[in-house]
Amino acid sequence: MGKDSWFLIPKKDGIFFIGIVVYVVMFFLPWTHEIKILNVSLLAWGGALLFLLAPITGIILTLIDSTDR
């Protein structure tokens, strides 16, 4: 495979993607199943926050990128 077969990802998008992967790995590890906050597991809190934060952050990054052009 040559170098031409891959596309370049913008730096902001790459950091966003890595951030989501780190977030998922951190919150979805087995030890999060047993920790409870307000009688809800940390796994559920992490999933709910990801459900809200990922689209909002993506929209903000898209708006910032579109205003730069």
Protein backbone atom coordinates (compact mmCIF):
# COMPACT_ATOMS: atom_id res chain seq x y z
CA MET A 1 0.00 0.00 0.00
CA GLY A 2 1.34 3.35 -0.98
CA LYS A 3 1.07 6.61 0.82
CA ASP A 4 -1.59 7.74 -1.66
CA SER A 5 -4.15 5.24 -0.34
CA TRP A 6 -4.72 7.15 2.93
CA PHE A 7 -6.44 10.48 3.32
CA LEU A 8 -5.13 13.22 5.55
CA ILE A 9 -7.30 13.96 8.55
CA PRO A 10 -7.30 17.50 9.93
CA LYS A 11 -5.53 17.92 13.27
CA LYS A 12 -8.72 18.95 15.14
CA ASP A 13 -10.61 15.93 13.84
CA GLY A 14 -7.77 13.57 14.77
CA ILE A 15 -7.62 14.92 18.31
CA PHE A 16 -11.43 14.62 18.55
CA PHE A 17 -11.30 10.99 17.40
CA ILE A 18 -8.48 10.10 19.81
CA GLY A 19 -10.37 11.84 22.61
CA ILE A 20 -13.49 9.75 21.95
CA VAL A 21 -11.46 6.53 21.90
CA VAL A 22 -9.70 7.41 25.19
CA TYR A 23 -13.05 8.36 26.75
CA VAL A 24 -14.65 5.06 25.71
CA VAL A 25 -11.71 3.00 26.95
CA MET A 26 -11.63 4.88 30.26
CA PHE A 27 -15.36 4.68 31.04
CA PHE A 28 -16.20 1.27 29.62
CA LEU A 29 -13.59 -0.75 31.50
CA PRO A 30 -14.94 -3.46 33.82
CA TRP A 31 -14.24 -1.51 37.02
CA THR A 32 -16.82 1.12 35.99
CA HIS A 33 -19.64 -1.42 36.30
CA GLU A 34 -19.37 -1.52 40.09
CA ILE A 35 -18.92 2.18 40.93
CA LYS A 36 -22.26 3.87 41.53
CA ILE A 37 -23.14 7.57 41.63
CA LEU A 38 -26.73 8.35 42.66
CA ASN A 39 -27.42 4.61 42.41
CA VAL A 40 -26.43 4.58 38.71
CA SER A 41 -23.27 2.83 37.53
CA LEU A 42 -20.34 4.84 36.23
CA LEU A 43 -20.71 2.95 32.95
CA ALA A 44 -24.19 4.43 32.46
CA TRP A 45 -22.98 7.93 33.37
CA GLY A 46 -20.12 7.60 30.89
CA GLY A 47 -22.46 6.44 28.14
CA ALA A 48 -24.93 9.23 28.81
CA LEU A 49 -22.20 11.87 28.80
CA LEU A 50 -20.75 10.46 25.58
CA PHE A 51 -24.23 10.56 24.05
CA LEU A 52 -24.39 14.29 24.82
CA LEU A 53 -20.79 15.46 24.54
CA ALA A 54 -19.68 13.77 21.31
CA PRO A 55 -22.30 15.36 19.01
CA ILE A 56 -22.08 18.75 20.71
CA THR A 57 -18.29 18.80 20.44
CA GLY A 58 -18.45 17.63 16.83
CA ILE A 59 -20.92 20.38 15.93
CA ILE A 60 -18.78 23.01 17.65
CA LEU A 61 -15.66 21.83 15.80
CA THR A 62 -17.57 21.87 12.51
CA LEU A 63 -18.82 25.40 13.12
CA ILE A 64 -15.33 26.59 14.04
CA ASP A 65 -13.92 24.95 10.93
CA SER A 66 -16.58 26.50 8.67
CA THR A 67 -15.94 30.00 10.04
CA ASP A 68 -12.20 29.62 9.38
CA ARG A 69 -12.81 29.14 5.66
